[in-house]
Amino acid sequence: MGDTITYGDFERVDIRVGTIVEAAPFPEARKPAIKLKIDFGPELGVKKSSAQITVHYAPDTLVGRQVAAVVNFPPRQIGPFMSEVLTLGFPDANGAVVLIGPTLAVPNGGKLF
């Protein structure tokens, strides 16, 4: 277990739900990845993310899926692509990413609490 944080620390991490509206291969990435466009609703709009999720997911299986992402990190340049949010997941037994998202449909842009 990591260091103890306060509830205020947790509140500073802005984790929102969004729906993947576009997914494409990212062959220019150093590690296998997929470029995502995720709709976070009217307040945040559509944001881009590069996600190393190629073990369990193909681009054509991702559109329409809701995922969780940290939306208040600064954008990060990944090769020719600017990643604006950090899409979240857990490692499987071999360390490959398994995406996290709600088990029921929720409005895009909802904040994790």
PDB file of N, CA and C in Angstrom:
ATOM      1  N   MET A   1       0.843  -1.182   0.000  1.00  0.00           N
ATOM      2  CA  MET A   1       0.000   0.000   0.000  1.00  0.00           C
ATOM      3  C   MET A   1       0.881   1.234   0.000  1.00  0.00           C
ATOM      4  N   GLY A   2       0.428   2.270  -0.697  1.00  0.00           N
ATOM      5  CA  GLY A   2       1.204   3.504  -0.828  1.00  0.00           C
ATOM      6  C   GLY A   2       1.028   4.417   0.364  1.00  0.00           C
ATOM      7  N   ASP A   3       1.516   5.631   0.198  1.00  0.00           N
ATOM      8  CA  ASP A   3       1.390   6.646   1.242  1.00  0.00           C
ATOM      9  C   ASP A   3      -0.071   7.015   1.460  1.00  0.00           C
ATOM     10  N   THR A   4      -0.401   7.375   2.677  1.00  0.00           N
ATOM     11  CA  THR A   4      -1.743   7.840   3.002  1.00  0.00           C
ATOM     12  C   THR A   4      -1.934   9.236   2.425  1.00  0.00           C
ATOM     13  N   ILE A   5      -3.121   9.493   1.839  1.00  0.00           N
ATOM     14  CA  ILE A   5      -3.446  10.817   1.326  1.00  0.00           C
ATOM     15  C   ILE A   5      -4.707  11.310   2.013  1.00  0.00           C
ATOM     16  N   THR A   6      -4.984  12.586   1.867  1.00  0.00           N
ATOM     17  CA  THR A   6      -6.211  13.150   2.423  1.00  0.00           C
ATOM     18  C   THR A   6      -7.312  13.077   1.369  1.00  0.00           C
ATOM     19  N   TYR A   7      -8.549  13.275   1.806  1.00  0.00           N
ATOM     20  CA  TYR A   7      -9.656  13.308   0.855  1.00  0.00           C
ATOM     21  C   TYR A   7      -9.468  14.471  -0.118  1.00  0.00           C
ATOM     22  N   GLY A   8      -8.901  15.561   0.359  1.00  0.00           N
ATOM     23  CA  GLY A   8      -8.611  16.707  -0.509  1.00  0.00           C
ATOM     24  C   GLY A   8      -7.649  16.333  -1.632  1.00  0.00           C
ATOM     25  N   ASP A   9      -6.649  15.494  -1.317  1.00  0.00           N
ATOM     26  CA  ASP A   9      -5.717  15.019  -2.352  1.00  0.00           C
ATOM     27  C   ASP A   9      -6.481  14.238  -3.420  1.00  0.00           C
ATOM     28  N   PHE A  10      -7.368  13.362  -2.994  1.00  0.00           N
ATOM     29  CA  PHE A  10      -8.167  12.558  -3.916  1.00  0.00           C
ATOM     30  C   PHE A  10      -9.032  13.454  -4.799  1.00  0.00           C
ATOM     31  N   GLU A  11      -9.638  14.478  -4.210  1.00  0.00           N
ATOM     32  CA  GLU A  11     -10.512  15.375  -4.965  1.00  0.00           C
ATOM     33  C   GLU A  11      -9.770  16.138  -6.064  1.00  0.00           C
ATOM     34  N   ARG A  12      -8.488  16.325  -5.901  1.00  0.00           N
ATOM     35  CA  ARG A  12      -7.700  17.053  -6.908  1.00  0.00           C
ATOM     36  C   ARG A  12      -7.507  16.241  -8.183  1.00  0.00           C
ATOM     37  N   VAL A  13      -7.621  14.901  -8.106  1.00  0.00           N
ATOM     38  CA  VAL A  13      -7.495  14.050  -9.288  1.00  0.00           C
ATOM     39  C   VAL A  13      -8.877  13.988  -9.934  1.00  0.00           C
ATOM     40  N   ASP A  14      -9.004  14.570 -11.120  1.00  0.00           N
ATOM     41  CA  ASP A  14     -10.295  14.661 -11.801  1.00  0.00           C
ATOM     42  C   ASP A  14     -10.451  13.462 -12.730  1.00  0.00           C
ATOM     43  N   ILE A  15     -11.174  12.450 -12.244  1.00  0.00           N
ATOM     44  CA  ILE A  15     -11.414  11.235 -13.023  1.00  0.00           C
ATOM     45  C   ILE A  15     -12.847  11.293 -13.525  1.00  0.00           C
ATOM     46  N   ARG A  16     -12.993  11.234 -14.856  1.00  0.00           N
ATOM     47  CA  ARG A  16     -14.309  11.336 -15.485  1.00  0.00           C
ATOM     48  C   ARG A  16     -14.576  10.121 -16.363  1.00  0.00           C
ATOM     49  N   VAL A  17     -15.848   9.905 -16.646  1.00  0.00           N
ATOM     50  CA  VAL A  17     -16.252   8.844 -17.561  1.00  0.00           C
ATOM     51  C   VAL A  17     -16.533   9.465 -18.921  1.00  0.00           C
ATOM     52  N   GLY A  18     -16.152   8.730 -19.953  1.00  0.00           N
ATOM     53  CA  GLY A  18     -16.431   9.161 -21.307  1.00  0.00           C
ATOM     54  C   GLY A  18     -16.665   7.958 -22.202  1.00  0.00           C
ATOM     55  N   THR A  19     -17.214   8.229 -23.381  1.00  0.00           N
ATOM     56  CA  THR A  19     -17.483   7.177 -24.356  1.00  0.00           C
ATOM     57  C   THR A  19     -16.500   7.295 -25.511  1.00  0.00           C
ATOM     58  N   ILE A  20     -15.858   6.192 -25.847  1.00  0.00           N
ATOM     59  CA  ILE A  20     -14.925   6.188 -26.972  1.00  0.00           C
ATOM     60  C   ILE A  20     -15.733   6.370 -28.253  1.00  0.00           C
ATOM     61  N   VAL A  21     -15.400   7.424 -29.007  1.00  0.00           N
ATOM     62  CA  VAL A  21     -16.117   7.712 -30.254  1.00  0.00           C
ATOM     63  C   VAL A  21     -15.267   7.398 -31.482  1.00  0.00           C
ATOM     64  N   GLU A  22     -13.959   7.218 -31.271  1.00  0.00           N
ATOM     65  CA  GLU A  22     -13.066   6.867 -32.378  1.00  0.00           C
ATOM     66  C   GLU A  22     -11.852   6.144 -31.805  1.00  0.00           C
ATOM     67  N   ALA A  23     -11.396   5.112 -32.503  1.00  0.00           N
ATOM     68  CA  ALA A  23     -10.210   4.357 -32.090  1.00  0.00           C
ATOM     69  C   ALA A  23      -9.446   3.965 -33.348  1.00  0.00           C
ATOM     70  N   ALA A  24      -8.120   4.155 -33.313  1.00  0.00           N
ATOM     71  CA  ALA A  24      -7.302   3.862 -34.492  1.00  0.00           C
ATOM     72  C   ALA A  24      -5.956   3.309 -34.045  1.00  0.00           C
ATOM     73  N   PRO A  25      -5.350   2.453 -34.865  1.00  0.00           N
ATOM     74  CA  PRO A  25      -4.006   1.969 -34.555  1.00  0.00           C
ATOM     75  C   PRO A  25      -3.041   3.147 -34.431  1.00  0.00           C
ATOM     76  N   PHE A  26      -1.984   2.955 -33.662  1.00  0.00           N
ATOM     77  CA  PHE A  26      -0.953   3.986 -33.468  1.00  0.00           C
ATOM     78  C   PHE A  26       0.407   3.352 -33.756  1.00  0.00           C
ATOM     79  N   PRO A  27       0.693   3.068 -35.033  1.00  0.00           N
ATOM     80  CA  PRO A  27       1.936   2.369 -35.372  1.00  0.00           C
ATOM     81  C   PRO A  27       3.201   3.169 -35.072  1.00  0.00           C
ATOM     82  N   GLU A  28       3.092   4.496 -34.943  1.00  0.00           N
ATOM     83  CA  GLU A  28       4.277   5.320 -34.660  1.00  0.00           C
ATOM     84  C   GLU A  28       4.722   5.252 -33.202  1.00  0.00           C
ATOM     85  N   ALA A  29       3.891   4.737 -32.320  1.00  0.00           N
ATOM     86  CA  ALA A  29       4.233   4.660 -30.893  1.00  0.00           C
ATOM     87  C   ALA A  29       5.367   3.656 -30.674  1.00  0.00           C
ATOM     88  N   ARG A  30       6.228   3.948 -29.688  1.00  0.00           N
ATOM     89  CA  ARG A  30       7.336   3.034 -29.364  1.00  0.00           C
ATOM     90  C   ARG A  30       6.821   1.704 -28.831  1.00  0.00           C
ATOM     91  N   LYS A  31       5.770   1.748 -28.009  1.00  0.00           N
ATOM     92  CA  LYS A  31       5.124   0.538 -27.496  1.00  0.00           C
ATOM     93  C   LYS A  31       3.764   0.443 -28.172  1.00  0.00           C
ATOM     94  N   PRO A  32       3.293  -0.767 -28.479  1.00  0.00           N
ATOM     95  CA  PRO A  32       1.998  -0.903 -29.159  1.00  0.00           C
ATOM     96  C   PRO A  32       0.887  -0.146 -28.421  1.00  0.00           C
ATOM     97  N   ALA A  33       0.152   0.671 -29.177  1.00  0.00           N
ATOM     98  CA  ALA A  33      -0.885   1.506 -28.575  1.00  0.00           C
ATOM     99  C   ALA A  33      -2.018   1.742 -29.568  1.00  0.00           C
ATOM    100  N   ILE A  34      -3.104   2.284 -29.030  1.00  0.00           N
ATOM    101  CA  ILE A  34      -4.265   2.660 -29.825  1.00  0.00           C
ATOM    102  C   ILE A  34      -4.570   4.125 -29.518  1.00  0.00           C
ATOM    103  N   LYS A  35      -4.819   4.911 -30.574  1.00  0.00           N
ATOM    104  CA  LYS A  35      -5.231   6.302 -30.408  1.00  0.00           C
ATOM    105  C   LYS A  35      -6.741   6.326 -30.198  1.00  0.00           C
ATOM    106  N   LEU A  36      -7.162   7.010 -29.133  1.00  0.00           N
ATOM    107  CA  LEU A  36      -8.576   7.097 -28.798  1.00  0.00           C
ATOM    108  C   LEU A  36      -9.058   8.540 -28.842  1.00  0.00           C
ATOM    109  N   LYS A  37     -10.305   8.724 -29.245  1.00  0.00           N
ATOM    110  CA  LYS A  37     -11.018   9.982 -29.041  1.00  0.00           C
ATOM    111  C   LYS A  37     -12.195   9.627 -28.149  1.00  0.00           C
ATOM    112  N   ILE A  38     -12.282  10.340 -27.010  1.00  0.00           N
ATOM    113  CA  ILE A  38     -13.258  10.014 -25.974  1.00  0.00           C
ATOM    114  C   ILE A  38     -14.140  11.227 -25.722  1.00  0.00           C
ATOM    115  N   ASP A  39     -15.453  11.027 -25.772  1.00  0.00           N
ATOM    116  CA  ASP A  39     -16.412  12.099 -25.533  1.00  0.00           C
ATOM    117  C   ASP A  39     -16.735  12.176 -24.049  1.00  0.00           C
ATOM    118  N   PHE A  40     -16.342  13.296 -23.421  1.00  0.00           N
ATOM    119  CA  PHE A  40     -16.590  13.511 -21.996  1.00  0.00           C
ATOM    120  C   PHE A  40     -17.769  14.453 -21.750  1.00  0.00           C
ATOM    121  N   GLY A  41     -18.646  14.581 -22.723  1.00  0.00           N
ATOM    122  CA  GLY A  41     -19.848  15.383 -22.543  1.00  0.00           C
ATOM    123  C   GLY A  41     -19.632  16.848 -22.844  1.00  0.00           C
ATOM    124  N   PRO A  42     -20.697  17.658 -22.665  1.00  0.00           N
ATOM    125  CA  PRO A  42     -20.651  19.055 -23.097  1.00  0.00           C
ATOM    126  C   PRO A  42     -19.642  19.927 -22.357  1.00  0.00           C
ATOM    127  N   GLU A  43     -19.346  19.627 -21.106  1.00  0.00           N
ATOM    128  CA  GLU A  43     -18.413  20.469 -20.339  1.00  0.00           C
ATOM    129  C   GLU A  43     -16.976  20.320 -20.835  1.00  0.00           C
ATOM    130  N   LEU A  44     -16.535  19.100 -21.094  1.00  0.00           N
ATOM    131  CA  LEU A  44     -15.148  18.839 -21.485  1.00  0.00           C
ATOM    132  C   LEU A  44     -14.975  18.553 -22.973  1.00  0.00           C
ATOM    133  N   GLY A  45     -16.008  18.037 -23.618  1.00  0.00           N
ATOM    134  CA  GLY A  45     -15.926  17.721 -25.042  1.00  0.00           C
ATOM    135  C   GLY A  45     -15.146  16.452 -25.316  1.00  0.00           C
ATOM    136  N   VAL A  46     -14.648  16.337 -26.542  1.00  0.00           N
ATOM    137  CA  VAL A  46     -13.904  15.157 -26.984  1.00  0.00           C
ATOM    138  C   VAL A  46     -12.421  15.384 -26.725  1.00  0.00           C
ATOM    139  N   LYS A  47     -11.782  14.429 -26.082  1.00  0.00           N
ATOM    140  CA  LYS A  47     -10.352  14.493 -25.763  1.00  0.00           C
ATOM    141  C   LYS A  47      -9.649  13.289 -26.376  1.00  0.00           C
ATOM    142  N   LYS A  48      -8.347  13.452 -26.649  1.00  0.00           N
ATOM    143  CA  LYS A  48      -7.547  12.378 -27.246  1.00  0.00           C
ATOM    144  C   LYS A  48      -6.712  11.682 -26.178  1.00  0.00           C
ATOM    145  N   SER A  49      -6.466  10.382 -26.400  1.00  0.00           N
ATOM    146  CA  SER A  49      -5.640   9.597 -25.489  1.00  0.00           C
ATOM    147  C   SER A  49      -4.923   8.512 -26.273  1.00  0.00           C
ATOM    148  N   SER A  50      -3.673   8.263 -25.911  1.00  0.00           N
ATOM    149  CA  SER A  50      -2.926   7.120 -26.432  1.00  0.00           C
ATOM    150  C   SER A  50      -2.924   6.070 -25.327  1.00  0.00           C
ATOM    151  N   ALA A  51      -3.385   4.866 -25.653  1.00  0.00           N
ATOM    152  CA  ALA A  51      -3.505   3.832 -24.626  1.00  0.00           C
ATOM    153  C   ALA A  51      -2.822   2.547 -25.076  1.00  0.00           C
ATOM    154  N   GLN A  52      -1.981   1.989 -24.207  1.00  0.00           N
ATOM    155  CA  GLN A  52      -1.278   0.737 -24.490  1.00  0.00           C
ATOM    156  C   GLN A  52      -2.187  -0.431 -24.107  1.00  0.00           C
ATOM    157  N   ILE A  53      -3.179  -0.672 -24.952  1.00  0.00           N
ATOM    158  CA  ILE A  53      -4.234  -1.644 -24.644  1.00  0.00           C
ATOM    159  C   ILE A  53      -4.381  -2.689 -25.745  1.00  0.00           C
ATOM    160  N   THR A  54      -3.355  -2.869 -26.568  1.00  0.00           N
ATOM    161  CA  THR A  54      -3.474  -3.727 -27.753  1.00  0.00           C
ATOM    162  C   THR A  54      -3.546  -5.222 -27.444  1.00  0.00           C
ATOM    163  N   VAL A  55      -3.183  -5.644 -26.242  1.00  0.00           N
ATOM    164  CA  VAL A  55      -3.242  -7.071 -25.912  1.00  0.00           C
ATOM    165  C   VAL A  55      -4.683  -7.561 -25.874  1.00  0.00           C
ATOM    166  N   HIS A  56      -5.564  -6.777 -25.257  1.00  0.00           N
ATOM    167  CA  HIS A  56      -6.950  -7.215 -25.064  1.00  0.00           C
ATOM    168  C   HIS A  56      -7.968  -6.525 -25.972  1.00  0.00           C
ATOM    169  N   TYR A  57      -7.553  -5.464 -26.673  1.00  0.00           N
ATOM    170  CA  TYR A  57      -8.518  -4.675 -27.428  1.00  0.00           C
ATOM    171  C   TYR A  57      -8.007  -4.386 -28.838  1.00  0.00           C
ATOM    172  N   ALA A  58      -8.944  -4.324 -29.774  1.00  0.00           N
ATOM    173  CA  ALA A  58      -8.673  -3.876 -31.139  1.00  0.00           C
ATOM    174  C   ALA A  58      -9.497  -2.614 -31.359  1.00  0.00           C
ATOM    175  N   PRO A  59      -9.014  -1.704 -32.202  1.00  0.00           N
ATOM    176  CA  PRO A  59      -9.756  -0.452 -32.394  1.00  0.00           C
ATOM    177  C   PRO A  59     -11.240  -0.643 -32.698  1.00  0.00           C
ATOM    178  N   ASP A  60     -11.581  -1.610 -33.525  1.00  0.00           N
ATOM    179  CA  ASP A  60     -12.986  -1.777 -33.921  1.00  0.00           C
ATOM    180  C   ASP A  60     -13.878  -2.307 -32.804  1.00  0.00           C
ATOM    181  N   THR A  61     -13.303  -2.742 -31.690  1.00  0.00           N
ATOM    182  CA  THR A  61     -14.109  -3.232 -30.568  1.00  0.00           C
ATOM    183  C   THR A  61     -14.319  -2.165 -29.497  1.00  0.00           C
ATOM    184  N   LEU A  62     -13.688  -1.012 -29.654  1.00  0.00           N
ATOM    185  CA  LEU A  62     -13.686  -0.009 -28.587  1.00  0.00           C
ATOM    186  C   LEU A  62     -14.745   1.081 -28.729  1.00  0.00           C
ATOM    187  N   VAL A  63     -15.151   1.396 -29.947  1.00  0.00           N
ATOM    188  CA  VAL A  63     -16.107   2.490 -30.152  1.00  0.00           C
ATOM    189  C   VAL A  63     -17.421   2.164 -29.436  1.00  0.00           C
ATOM    190  N   GLY A  64     -17.905   3.125 -28.645  1.00  0.00           N
ATOM    191  CA  GLY A  64     -19.130   2.950 -27.874  1.00  0.00           C
ATOM    192  C   GLY A  64     -18.898   2.511 -26.443  1.00  0.00           C
ATOM    193  N   ARG A  65     -17.680   2.105 -26.113  1.00  0.00           N
ATOM    194  CA  ARG A  65     -17.359   1.643 -24.758  1.00  0.00           C
ATOM    195  C   ARG A  65     -17.108   2.849 -23.844  1.00  0.00           C
ATOM    196  N   GLN A  66     -17.646   2.795 -22.640  1.00  0.00           N
ATOM    197  CA  GLN A  66     -17.368   3.844 -21.660  1.00  0.00           C
ATOM    198  C   GLN A  66     -16.123   3.480 -20.854  1.00  0.00           C
ATOM    199  N   VAL A  67     -15.277   4.489 -20.638  1.00  0.00           N
ATOM    200  CA  VAL A  67     -14.028   4.297 -19.905  1.00  0.00           C
ATOM    201  C   VAL A  67     -13.846   5.428 -18.907  1.00  0.00           C
ATOM    202  N   ALA A  68     -12.947   5.217 -17.966  1.00  0.00           N
ATOM    203  CA  ALA A  68     -12.581   6.247 -16.993  1.00  0.00           C
ATOM    204  C   ALA A  68     -11.218   6.806 -17.375  1.00  0.00           C
ATOM    205  N   ALA A  69     -11.049   8.110 -17.139  1.00  0.00           N
ATOM    206  CA  ALA A  69      -9.777   8.752 -17.470  1.00  0.00           C
ATOM    207  C   ALA A  69      -9.515   9.926 -16.536  1.00  0.00           C
ATOM    208  N   VAL A  70      -8.237  10.170 -16.267  1.00  0.00           N
ATOM    209  CA  VAL A  70      -7.827  11.377 -15.550  1.00  0.00           C
ATOM    210  C   VAL A  70      -7.801  12.494 -16.579  1.00  0.00           C
ATOM    211  N   VAL A  71      -8.580  13.551 -16.332  1.00  0.00           N
ATOM    212  CA  VAL A  71      -8.704  14.620 -17.321  1.00  0.00           C
ATOM    213  C   VAL A  71      -7.954  15.894 -16.940  1.00  0.00           C
ATOM    214  N   ASN A  72      -7.287  15.922 -15.784  1.00  0.00           N
ATOM    215  CA  ASN A  72      -6.599  17.151 -15.396  1.00  0.00           C
ATOM    216  C   ASN A  72      -5.080  17.018 -15.303  1.00  0.00           C
ATOM    217  N   PHE A  73      -4.500  16.049 -16.033  1.00  0.00           N
ATOM    218  CA  PHE A  73      -3.055  16.030 -16.247  1.00  0.00           C
ATOM    219  C   PHE A  73      -2.755  16.965 -17.410  1.00  0.00           C
ATOM    220  N   PRO A  74      -1.540  17.511 -17.480  1.00  0.00           N
ATOM    221  CA  PRO A  74      -1.201  18.303 -18.662  1.00  0.00           C
ATOM    222  C   PRO A  74      -1.095  17.390 -19.888  1.00  0.00           C
ATOM    223  N   PRO A  75      -1.386  17.904 -21.091  1.00  0.00           N
ATOM    224  CA  PRO A  75      -1.236  17.092 -22.301  1.00  0.00           C
ATOM    225  C   PRO A  75       0.195  16.568 -22.429  1.00  0.00           C
ATOM    226  N   ARG A  76       0.334  15.400 -23.068  1.00  0.00           N
ATOM    227  CA  ARG A  76       1.649  14.768 -23.199  1.00  0.00           C
ATOM    228  C   ARG A  76       1.868  14.373 -24.658  1.00  0.00           C
ATOM    229  N   GLN A  77       2.989  14.812 -25.202  1.00  0.00           N
ATOM    230  CA  GLN A  77       3.341  14.485 -26.582  1.00  0.00           C
ATOM    231  C   GLN A  77       3.861  13.053 -26.645  1.00  0.00           C
ATOM    232  N   ILE A  78       3.232  12.225 -27.471  1.00  0.00           N
ATOM    233  CA  ILE A  78       3.669  10.841 -27.663  1.00  0.00           C
ATOM    234  C   ILE A  78       3.895  10.681 -29.159  1.00  0.00           C
ATOM    235  N   GLY A  79       5.155  10.777 -29.562  1.00  0.00           N
ATOM    236  CA  GLY A  79       5.477  10.764 -30.985  1.00  0.00           C
ATOM    237  C   GLY A  79       4.760  11.921 -31.659  1.00  0.00           C
ATOM    238  N   PRO A  80       4.036  11.667 -32.748  1.00  0.00           N
ATOM    239  CA  PRO A  80       3.337  12.740 -33.451  1.00  0.00           C
ATOM    240  C   PRO A  80       1.953  13.064 -32.867  1.00  0.00           C
ATOM    241  N   PHE A  81       1.605  12.447 -31.743  1.00  0.00           N
ATOM    242  CA  PHE A  81       0.253  12.521 -31.185  1.00  0.00           C
ATOM    243  C   PHE A  81       0.268  13.224 -29.837  1.00  0.00           C
ATOM    244  N   MET A  82      -0.691  14.124 -29.598  1.00  0.00           N
ATOM    245  CA  MET A  82      -0.818  14.791 -28.305  1.00  0.00           C
ATOM    246  C   MET A  82      -1.924  14.107 -27.501  1.00  0.00           C
ATOM    247  N   SER A  83      -1.520  13.423 -26.417  1.00  0.00           N
ATOM    248  CA  SER A  83      -2.463  12.733 -25.545  1.00  0.00           C
ATOM    249  C   SER A  83      -2.936  13.728 -24.486  1.00  0.00           C
ATOM    250  N   GLU A  84      -4.259  13.907 -24.390  1.00  0.00           N
ATOM    251  CA  GLU A  84      -4.822  14.929 -23.504  1.00  0.00           C
ATOM    252  C   GLU A  84      -5.340  14.370 -22.182  1.00  0.00           C
ATOM    253  N   VAL A  85      -5.642  13.081 -22.124  1.00  0.00           N
ATOM    254  CA  VAL A  85      -6.148  12.453 -20.901  1.00  0.00           C
ATOM    255  C   VAL A  85      -5.459  11.109 -20.702  1.00  0.00           C
ATOM    256  N   LEU A  86      -5.460  10.624 -19.462  1.00  0.00           N
ATOM    257  CA  LEU A  86      -4.888   9.320 -19.137  1.00  0.00           C
ATOM    258  C   LEU A  86      -6.030   8.325 -18.952  1.00  0.00           C
ATOM    259  N   THR A  87      -6.197   7.429 -19.920  1.00  0.00           N
ATOM    260  CA  THR A  87      -7.221   6.395 -19.842  1.00  0.00           C
ATOM    261  C   THR A  87      -6.778   5.364 -18.812  1.00  0.00           C
ATOM    262  N   LEU A  88      -7.677   4.963 -17.928  1.00  0.00           N
ATOM    263  CA  LEU A  88      -7.320   4.129 -16.779  1.00  0.00           C
ATOM    264  C   LEU A  88      -7.645   2.649 -16.986  1.00  0.00           C
ATOM    265  N   GLY A  89      -6.822   1.813 -16.378  1.00  0.00           N
ATOM    266  CA  GLY A  89      -7.035   0.377 -16.405  1.00  0.00           C
ATOM    267  C   GLY A  89      -6.244  -0.290 -15.303  1.00  0.00           C
ATOM    268  N   PHE A  90      -6.439  -1.586 -15.183  1.00  0.00           N
ATOM    269  CA  PHE A  90      -5.704  -2.406 -14.232  1.00  0.00           C
ATOM    270  C   PHE A  90      -4.894  -3.434 -14.999  1.00  0.00           C
ATOM    271  N   PRO A  91      -3.750  -3.876 -14.442  1.00  0.00           N
ATOM    272  CA  PRO A  91      -2.987  -4.925 -15.116  1.00  0.00           C
ATOM    273  C   PRO A  91      -3.620  -6.299 -14.892  1.00  0.00           C
ATOM    274  N   ASP A  92      -3.618  -7.118 -15.958  1.00  0.00           N
ATOM    275  CA  ASP A  92      -4.045  -8.508 -15.770  1.00  0.00           C
ATOM    276  C   ASP A  92      -2.871  -9.288 -15.180  1.00  0.00           C
ATOM    277  N   ALA A  93      -2.975 -10.595 -15.079  1.00  0.00           N
ATOM    278  CA  ALA A  93      -1.934 -11.417 -14.460  1.00  0.00           C
ATOM    279  C   ALA A  93      -0.587 -11.290 -15.172  1.00  0.00           C
ATOM    280  N   ASN A  94      -0.597 -10.905 -16.449  1.00  0.00           N
ATOM    281  CA  ASN A  94       0.647 -10.756 -17.211  1.00  0.00           C
ATOM    282  C   ASN A  94       1.069  -9.308 -17.388  1.00  0.00           C
ATOM    283  N   GLY A  95       0.337  -8.379 -16.775  1.00  0.00           N
ATOM    284  CA  GLY A  95       0.695  -6.968 -16.855  1.00  0.00           C
ATOM    285  C   GLY A  95       0.035  -6.209 -17.997  1.00  0.00           C
ATOM    286  N   ALA A  96      -0.789  -6.862 -18.807  1.00  0.00           N
ATOM    287  CA  ALA A  96      -1.490  -6.179 -19.906  1.00  0.00           C
ATOM    288  C   ALA A  96      -2.676  -5.400 -19.342  1.00  0.00           C
ATOM    289  N   VAL A  97      -2.964  -4.252 -19.931  1.00  0.00           N
ATOM    290  CA  VAL A  97      -3.996  -3.359 -19.415  1.00  0.00           C
ATOM    291  C   VAL A  97      -5.411  -3.870 -19.719  1.00  0.00           C
ATOM    292  N   VAL A  98      -6.252  -3.839 -18.669  1.00  0.00           N
ATOM    293  CA  VAL A  98      -7.680  -4.100 -18.779  1.00  0.00           C
ATOM    294  C   VAL A  98      -8.371  -2.781 -18.418  1.00  0.00           C
ATOM    295  N   LEU A  99      -9.120  -2.217 -19.352  1.00  0.00           N
ATOM    296  CA  LEU A  99      -9.771  -0.930 -19.133  1.00  0.00           C
ATOM    297  C   LEU A  99     -10.788  -0.999 -18.010  1.00  0.00           C
ATOM    298  N   ILE A 100     -10.972   0.145 -17.331  1.00  0.00           N
ATOM    299  CA  ILE A 100     -12.031   0.228 -16.327  1.00  0.00           C
ATOM    300  C   ILE A 100     -13.100   1.201 -16.814  1.00  0.00           C
ATOM    301  N   GLY A 101     -14.312   0.935 -16.427  1.00  0.00           N
ATOM    302  CA  GLY A 101     -15.442   1.777 -16.788  1.00  0.00           C
ATOM    303  C   GLY A 101     -16.650   1.320 -16.005  1.00  0.00           C
ATOM    304  N   PRO A 102     -17.734   2.070 -16.096  1.00  0.00           N
ATOM    305  CA  PRO A 102     -18.934   1.700 -15.344  1.00  0.00           C
ATOM    306  C   PRO A 102     -19.558   0.420 -15.888  1.00  0.00           C
ATOM    307  N   THR A 103     -20.254  -0.295 -15.027  1.00  0.00           N
ATOM    308  CA  THR A 103     -20.922  -1.522 -15.437  1.00  0.00           C
ATOM    309  C   THR A 103     -22.299  -1.244 -16.030  1.00  0.00           C
ATOM    310  N   LEU A 104     -22.819  -0.039 -15.807  1.00  0.00           N
ATOM    311  CA  LEU A 104     -24.072   0.425 -16.399  1.00  0.00           C
ATOM    312  C   LEU A 104     -23.792   1.751 -17.089  1.00  0.00           C
ATOM    313  N   ALA A 105     -24.559   2.090 -18.117  1.00  0.00           N
ATOM    314  CA  ALA A 105     -24.353   3.351 -18.826  1.00  0.00           C
ATOM    315  C   ALA A 105     -24.612   4.534 -17.891  1.00  0.00           C
ATOM    316  N   VAL A 106     -23.725   5.515 -17.955  1.00  0.00           N
ATOM    317  CA  VAL A 106     -23.859   6.754 -17.170  1.00  0.00           C
ATOM    318  C   VAL A 106     -23.607   7.930 -18.111  1.00  0.00           C
ATOM    319  N   PRO A 107     -24.038   9.131 -17.721  1.00  0.00           N
ATOM    320  CA  PRO A 107     -23.807  10.292 -18.586  1.00  0.00           C
ATOM    321  C   PRO A 107     -22.315  10.592 -18.739  1.00  0.00           C
ATOM    322  N   ASN A 108     -21.891  10.887 -19.962  1.00  0.00           N
ATOM    323  CA  ASN A 108     -20.504  11.257 -20.201  1.00  0.00           C
ATOM    324  C   ASN A 108     -20.158  12.499 -19.376  1.00  0.00           C
ATOM    325  N   GLY A 109     -18.947  12.504 -18.827  1.00  0.00           N
ATOM    326  CA  GLY A 109     -18.470  13.626 -18.047  1.00  0.00           C
ATOM    327  C   GLY A 109     -18.650  13.459 -16.555  1.00  0.00           C
ATOM    328  N   GLY A 110     -19.352  12.404 -16.127  1.00  0.00           N
ATOM    329  CA  GLY A 110     -19.549  12.179 -14.695  1.00  0.00           C
ATOM    330  C   GLY A 110     -18.219  12.018 -13.989  1.00  0.00           C
ATOM    331  N   LYS A 111     -18.104  12.654 -12.810  1.00  0.00           N
ATOM    332  CA  LYS A 111     -16.853  12.636 -12.033  1.00  0.00           C
ATOM    333  C   LYS A 111     -16.885  11.497 -11.022  1.00  0.00           C
ATOM    334  N   LEU A 112     -15.775  10.756 -10.961  1.00  0.00           N
ATOM    335  CA  LEU A 112     -15.644   9.672  -9.980  1.00  0.00           C
ATOM    336  C   LEU A 112     -15.627  10.260  -8.578  1.00  0.00           C
ATOM    337  N   PHE A 113     -16.362   9.627  -7.667  1.00  0.00           N
ATOM    338  CA  PHE A 113     -16.311  10.018  -6.263  1.00  0.00           C
ATOM    339  C   PHE A 113     -16.360   8.789  -5.409  1.00  0.00           C
TER     340      PHE A 113
END
